[in-house]
Amino acid sequence: MTDDNQIKRIETRIRDAGDLAAAFAHDPHRPAYHFTPPSAWMNDINGALFWKGRYHIFYQYNPHGAYWHLIQWGHASST
């Protein structure tokens, strides 16, 4: 795979993740007080820590859908 093709694939995935996040933004069943990813599927929160005045968590994440495939690491912080 060329660098140009890889960049295009990454850009498409970022755009798709944003589309999914917008679709879930007004879901009345989405938790309001517990962390959820911007969209799709999350699993296995790891590395919860407090560092330099912020809480951080890392988690397994699939931004393309609510299923286990093409897993990445996600990160969230309190501010």
Protein backbone atom coordinates (compact mmCIF):
# COMPACT_ATOMS: atom_id res chain seq x y z
CA MET A 1 0.00 0.00 0.00
CA THR A 2 1.38 3.40 -0.92
CA ASP A 3 1.55 6.25 1.54
CA ASP A 4 -1.08 8.16 -0.47
CA ASN A 5 -3.51 5.23 -0.29
CA GLN A 6 -2.92 4.83 3.43
CA ILE A 7 -3.51 8.55 4.03
CA LYS A 8 -6.79 8.38 2.06
CA ARG A 9 -7.92 5.35 4.09
CA ILE A 10 -7.14 7.16 7.35
CA GLU A 11 -8.96 10.31 6.22
CA THR A 12 -12.01 8.21 5.28
CA ARG A 13 -12.02 6.50 8.67
CA ILE A 14 -11.79 9.82 10.49
CA ARG A 15 -14.71 11.20 8.45
CA ASP A 16 -16.77 8.04 9.06
CA ALA A 17 -16.14 8.24 12.81
CA GLY A 18 -17.39 11.84 12.81
CA ASP A 19 -20.55 10.81 10.95
CA LEU A 20 -21.25 8.09 13.51
CA ALA A 21 -20.64 10.47 16.41
CA ALA A 22 -23.18 12.92 14.96
CA ALA A 23 -25.71 10.12 14.55
CA PHE A 24 -25.38 9.15 18.23
CA ALA A 25 -25.32 12.71 19.61
CA HIS A 26 -29.07 12.88 20.32
CA ASP A 27 -29.66 9.23 21.26
CA PRO A 28 -31.89 9.30 24.39
CA HIS A 29 -30.45 5.95 25.52
CA ARG A 30 -26.81 7.05 25.45
CA PRO A 31 -25.29 7.30 28.95
CA ALA A 32 -24.91 10.85 30.24
CA TYR A 33 -22.72 10.24 33.32
CA HIS A 34 -20.45 7.41 32.19
CA PHE A 35 -17.79 7.58 29.55
CA THR A 36 -18.76 6.41 26.08
CA PRO A 37 -16.69 6.74 22.91
CA PRO A 38 -17.68 9.28 20.24
CA SER A 39 -19.39 6.46 18.33
CA ALA A 40 -19.67 2.74 17.83
CA TRP A 41 -17.98 0.09 19.96
CA MET A 42 -15.76 0.33 23.03
CA ASN A 43 -14.21 -2.39 25.19
CA ASP A 44 -11.74 -2.94 27.96
CA ILE A 45 -10.91 0.37 29.63
CA ASN A 46 -7.24 0.39 30.67
CA GLY A 47 -4.69 2.75 32.10
CA ALA A 48 -7.01 4.90 34.20
CA LEU A 49 -4.80 7.52 35.84
CA PHE A 50 -4.64 11.06 37.18
CA TRP A 51 -1.75 13.00 35.66
CA LYS A 52 -0.98 16.73 35.71
CA GLY A 53 -4.45 17.67 36.96
CA ARG A 54 -6.43 15.52 34.48
CA TYR A 55 -8.00 12.08 34.61
CA HIS A 56 -7.14 9.85 31.64
CA ILE A 57 -8.45 6.53 30.36
CA PHE A 58 -7.41 4.41 27.40
CA TYR A 59 -9.75 1.91 25.81
CA GLN A 60 -10.12 -0.52 22.92
CA TYR A 61 -12.26 1.06 20.23
CA ASN A 62 -13.80 0.36 16.83
CA PRO A 63 -15.00 3.68 15.33
CA HIS A 64 -16.56 1.89 12.33
CA GLY A 65 -19.31 -0.02 14.08
CA ALA A 66 -20.57 -1.78 17.17
CA TYR A 67 -18.59 -4.96 16.60
CA TRP A 68 -15.14 -6.38 17.26
CA HIS A 69 -13.04 -5.68 14.17
CA LEU A 70 -10.27 -3.23 13.23
CA ILE A 71 -9.69 -2.42 16.91
CA GLN A 72 -7.72 0.71 17.82
CA TRP A 73 -6.81 2.42 21.06
CA GLY A 74 -8.85 5.41 22.14
CA HIS A 75 -8.00 8.04 24.76
CA ALA A 76 -10.17 10.34 26.82
CA SER A 77 -9.32 12.92 29.45
CA SER A 78 -11.33 14.97 31.91
CA THR A 79 -10.51 18.34 30.33
